[in-house]
């Protein structure tokens, strides 16, 4: 069975931390999220992973698409099958309130080979000021998304996470 492209991105992202003096931890997804089973009793993770780096806690939600935008759930709306869940928005937003915590989304646009970091504070500004139910590359740039340098190895990518983390914590 061919591996899901989103999972390949997650693996590439994790491997990008291999030579960095940082602790990277991927939170396991619940089994029901893969099988489409009854999820009423399963854990909704607040984010996909976190990094401990230079005294900072950096939780991240990783999103990858072949398309041009990422759909999201909104309070009080019929949400259905959106890429970004309210539990993820709330989880990142909640943790961002703490000192030395920088939380955000990693948005990977596979077709154009561009990946961005968008801080949850900036995402919330967009979220609260739009009637849309999705965010695209133009919106991410407009709301101060950070383009992450990447390098294609033979068939997989590596990301310059050290540069990103230093930019996030030092400005």
Foldseek 3Di string as FASTA:
>chain_A
DDDDPQVLQVVQAVVLCVPPPKDKDFDDADPCVVVVDDCPPPDDDLAGIWMCDPNAIEGEHEDEDLDFKFFEDDPPDDRPDGRHYPSNLVSLVVQCVDPRYWYFYWYAHPNVGKIWTATSVLVVVVNVPDPDRIAGPVSCVVSPIHIWDWDQDPHGIHTNVVVVVCVRVVD
